[in-house]
């Protein structure tokens, strides 16, 4: 089960496809989207990231950065990002510690769940959408949540 609404998001830092280390604390003062997904180049994950890509102007217009997180390494993320022309960064969590801290890791399989978080300006959890088979609904759920914010 994902974290509860209103709780503080765990702080973390991870390597990013921007060639910089992503530090969550660097984004204090602005809301952001973190979406966890199982694996690059799989059917469901490709559909999800492409939906975020296709709706990216919605988030950009609201000044809400979007970041995808999986256990894939940076070279794999870079290929995935290039092939699908993703306008947002992907973060690599090879040991799954960040996934686990967000309750986004399937315990026995050790792969990330498909869960999306909207963090508010203080990085409290303002929205959650979880569903392994609803890959495109994660995006519409976050847009709807932001529209009510």
Protein backbone atom coordinates (compact mmCIF):
# COMPACT_ATOMS: atom_id res chain seq x y z
CA UNK A 1 0.00 0.00 0.00
CA UNK A 2 1.27 3.48 -0.90
CA UNK A 3 1.97 6.17 1.70
CA UNK A 4 -1.02 8.07 3.07
CA UNK A 5 -2.12 11.48 1.88
CA UNK A 6 -0.69 14.30 3.96
CA UNK A 7 2.41 12.39 5.08
CA UNK A 8 5.89 13.70 4.41
CA UNK A 9 7.63 12.16 1.41
CA UNK A 10 10.94 10.47 2.22
CA UNK A 11 13.92 12.59 1.16
CA UNK A 12 16.31 11.01 -1.33
CA UNK A 13 18.84 11.54 -4.06
CA UNK A 14 19.38 9.42 -7.17
CA UNK A 15 21.33 9.53 -10.44
CA UNK A 16 19.39 11.14 -13.26
CA UNK A 17 19.36 11.12 -17.05
CA UNK A 18 20.27 14.83 -16.81
CA UNK A 19 23.80 13.66 -15.82
CA UNK A 20 23.26 15.27 -12.41
CA UNK A 21 22.27 13.81 -9.09
CA UNK A 22 18.57 14.46 -8.47
CA UNK A 23 18.02 15.72 -4.91
CA UNK A 24 14.42 15.92 -3.78
CA UNK A 25 15.23 18.74 -1.36
CA UNK A 26 16.30 20.91 -4.33
CA UNK A 27 12.62 21.04 -5.32
CA UNK A 28 11.23 22.29 -2.00
CA UNK A 29 8.82 25.13 -2.63
CA UNK A 30 7.24 23.59 -5.72
CA UNK A 31 4.97 20.61 -6.30
CA UNK A 32 6.23 17.69 -8.37
CA UNK A 33 5.24 14.30 -9.74
CA UNK A 34 7.19 11.13 -8.96
CA UNK A 35 6.06 8.05 -10.82
CA UNK A 36 7.49 4.64 -10.04
CA UNK A 37 7.33 1.98 -12.74
CA UNK A 38 8.64 -1.58 -13.11
CA UNK A 39 10.98 -1.60 -16.13
CA UNK A 40 12.08 0.31 -19.21
CA UNK A 41 11.03 -1.05 -22.62
CA UNK A 42 8.14 -3.16 -21.31
CA UNK A 43 4.70 -2.72 -22.85
CA UNK A 44 2.89 -1.25 -19.84
CA UNK A 45 5.77 0.99 -18.77
CA UNK A 46 6.25 2.28 -22.30
CA UNK A 47 2.54 3.14 -22.48
CA UNK A 48 2.78 4.96 -19.15
CA UNK A 49 5.87 7.05 -19.94
CA UNK A 50 4.49 7.91 -23.37
CA UNK A 51 1.25 9.08 -21.75
CA UNK A 52 3.27 11.32 -19.41
CA UNK A 53 5.16 12.53 -22.50
CA UNK A 54 1.97 13.19 -24.46
CA UNK A 55 0.39 15.13 -21.58
CA UNK A 56 3.61 16.80 -20.49
CA UNK A 57 2.51 20.31 -21.52
CA UNK A 58 -0.28 20.08 -18.93
CA UNK A 59 2.30 19.61 -16.17
CA UNK A 60 4.68 22.15 -17.69
CA UNK A 61 1.92 24.78 -17.89
CA UNK A 62 1.21 24.20 -14.17
CA UNK A 63 4.99 24.33 -13.45
CA UNK A 64 4.98 20.81 -12.03
CA UNK A 65 8.15 18.81 -12.82
CA UNK A 66 7.73 15.11 -13.62
CA UNK A 67 10.25 12.38 -12.78
CA UNK A 68 10.09 8.64 -13.50
CA UNK A 69 11.84 6.15 -11.22
CA UNK A 70 12.72 2.51 -11.76
CA UNK A 71 15.58 0.18 -10.90
CA UNK A 72 16.99 0.35 -14.43
CA UNK A 73 20.48 1.83 -14.78
CA UNK A 74 21.20 5.24 -16.33
CA UNK A 75 22.43 3.89 -19.71
CA UNK A 76 19.16 1.93 -20.10
CA UNK A 77 17.14 4.99 -19.00
CA UNK A 78 19.00 7.16 -21.51
CA UNK A 79 18.14 4.78 -24.37
CA UNK A 80 14.52 4.57 -23.20
CA UNK A 81 14.30 8.36 -22.95
CA UNK A 82 15.82 8.86 -26.41
CA UNK A 83 13.71 6.20 -28.17
CA UNK A 84 10.47 7.64 -26.75
CA UNK A 85 11.55 11.32 -26.82
CA UNK A 86 10.72 11.86 -23.15
CA UNK A 87 10.81 15.51 -22.07
CA UNK A 88 11.42 14.64 -18.41
CA UNK A 89 14.21 12.93 -16.50
CA UNK A 90 14.32 9.34 -15.38
CA UNK A 91 15.96 8.44 -12.09
CA UNK A 92 17.85 5.23 -11.39
CA UNK A 93 17.26 3.37 -8.12
CA UNK A 94 19.36 0.22 -8.74
CA UNK A 95 19.15 -1.15 -5.21
CA UNK A 96 15.46 -0.28 -4.81
CA UNK A 97 15.95 1.66 -1.56
CA UNK A 98 14.02 4.72 -2.73
CA UNK A 99 11.27 2.55 -4.19
CA UNK A 100 11.02 0.76 -0.86
CA UNK A 101 10.95 4.03 1.10
CA UNK A 102 7.92 5.10 -0.98
CA UNK A 103 6.21 1.71 -0.52
CA UNK A 104 6.70 1.23 -4.26
CA UNK A 105 8.61 -2.05 -4.27
CA UNK A 106 7.03 -5.49 -4.65
CA UNK A 107 8.68 -7.37 -1.75
CA UNK A 108 9.32 -10.83 -3.17
CA UNK A 109 9.98 -9.80 -6.77
CA UNK A 110 12.00 -6.69 -5.81
CA UNK A 111 10.61 -4.73 -8.75
CA UNK A 112 8.90 -1.35 -8.48
CA UNK A 113 5.14 -1.15 -8.35
CA UNK A 114 3.34 1.22 -10.66
CA UNK A 115 2.50 4.08 -8.29
CA UNK A 116 2.45 7.83 -8.86
CA UNK A 117 2.80 10.51 -6.21
CA UNK A 118 1.96 14.18 -6.34
CA UNK A 119 4.04 16.05 -3.77
CA UNK A 120 3.04 19.52 -2.66
CA UNK A 121 5.39 22.46 -2.09
CA UNK A 122 6.44 21.07 1.32
CA UNK A 123 6.83 17.58 -0.18
CA UNK A 124 3.85 16.21 1.64
CA UNK A 125 1.92 13.63 -0.35
CA UNK A 126 -0.98 15.44 -1.98
CA UNK A 127 -2.06 12.75 -4.42
CA UNK A 128 -1.53 9.05 -5.02
CA UNK A 129 -2.54 6.76 -7.84
CA UNK A 130 -1.63 3.11 -7.69
CA UNK A 131 -2.40 0.42 -10.23
CA UNK A 132 -0.15 -1.92 -12.16
CA UNK A 133 -2.55 -2.30 -15.10
CA UNK A 134 -3.89 1.28 -15.26
CA UNK A 135 -0.73 2.69 -16.82
CA UNK A 136 -2.41 5.59 -18.64
CA UNK A 137 -4.77 6.45 -15.77
CA UNK A 138 -1.85 7.60 -13.60
CA UNK A 139 -1.47 10.69 -15.78
CA UNK A 140 -5.15 11.65 -15.90
CA UNK A 141 -5.45 11.12 -12.14
CA UNK A 142 -2.56 13.52 -11.47
CA UNK A 143 -3.90 16.14 -13.90
CA UNK A 144 -7.30 15.93 -12.21
CA UNK A 145 -5.71 16.23 -8.77
CA UNK A 146 -3.68 19.28 -9.83
CA UNK A 147 -6.82 20.86 -11.25
CA UNK A 148 -8.42 20.66 -7.81
CA UNK A 149 -5.36 21.97 -5.99
